[in-house]
Amino acid sequence: MNRWQFDKRMNVSALVQLLMLAGLIVGSWVNLQRQLDLLGRDVKQLLAAQEKFCEKMEQLQERTTAQEYRLRTIENQNSKVKRQN
């Protein structure tokens, strides 16, 4: 009778350990999913920031090109005035 009680306690102990292990696995899985969600959100924010940055760079490029044309026009006008004098 003493042996049966020992086996019963061992089985309960093994069951508790398995339940704890299963709980740790589920907890880790949930934590991993949460981290992946946060990472996905961060990546979306980075992509949005990159798009805004690219738009600003395109605007700056357009302004630079316009300023270069204006500068060429002014330089051409100045060179014409110098030739006339």
Foldseek 3Di string as FASTA:
>chain_A
DVVVVVVVVVVVVVVVVVVVVVVVVVVVVVVVVVVVVVVVVVVVVVVVVVVVVVVVVVVVVVVVVVVVVVVVVVVVVVVVVVVVD
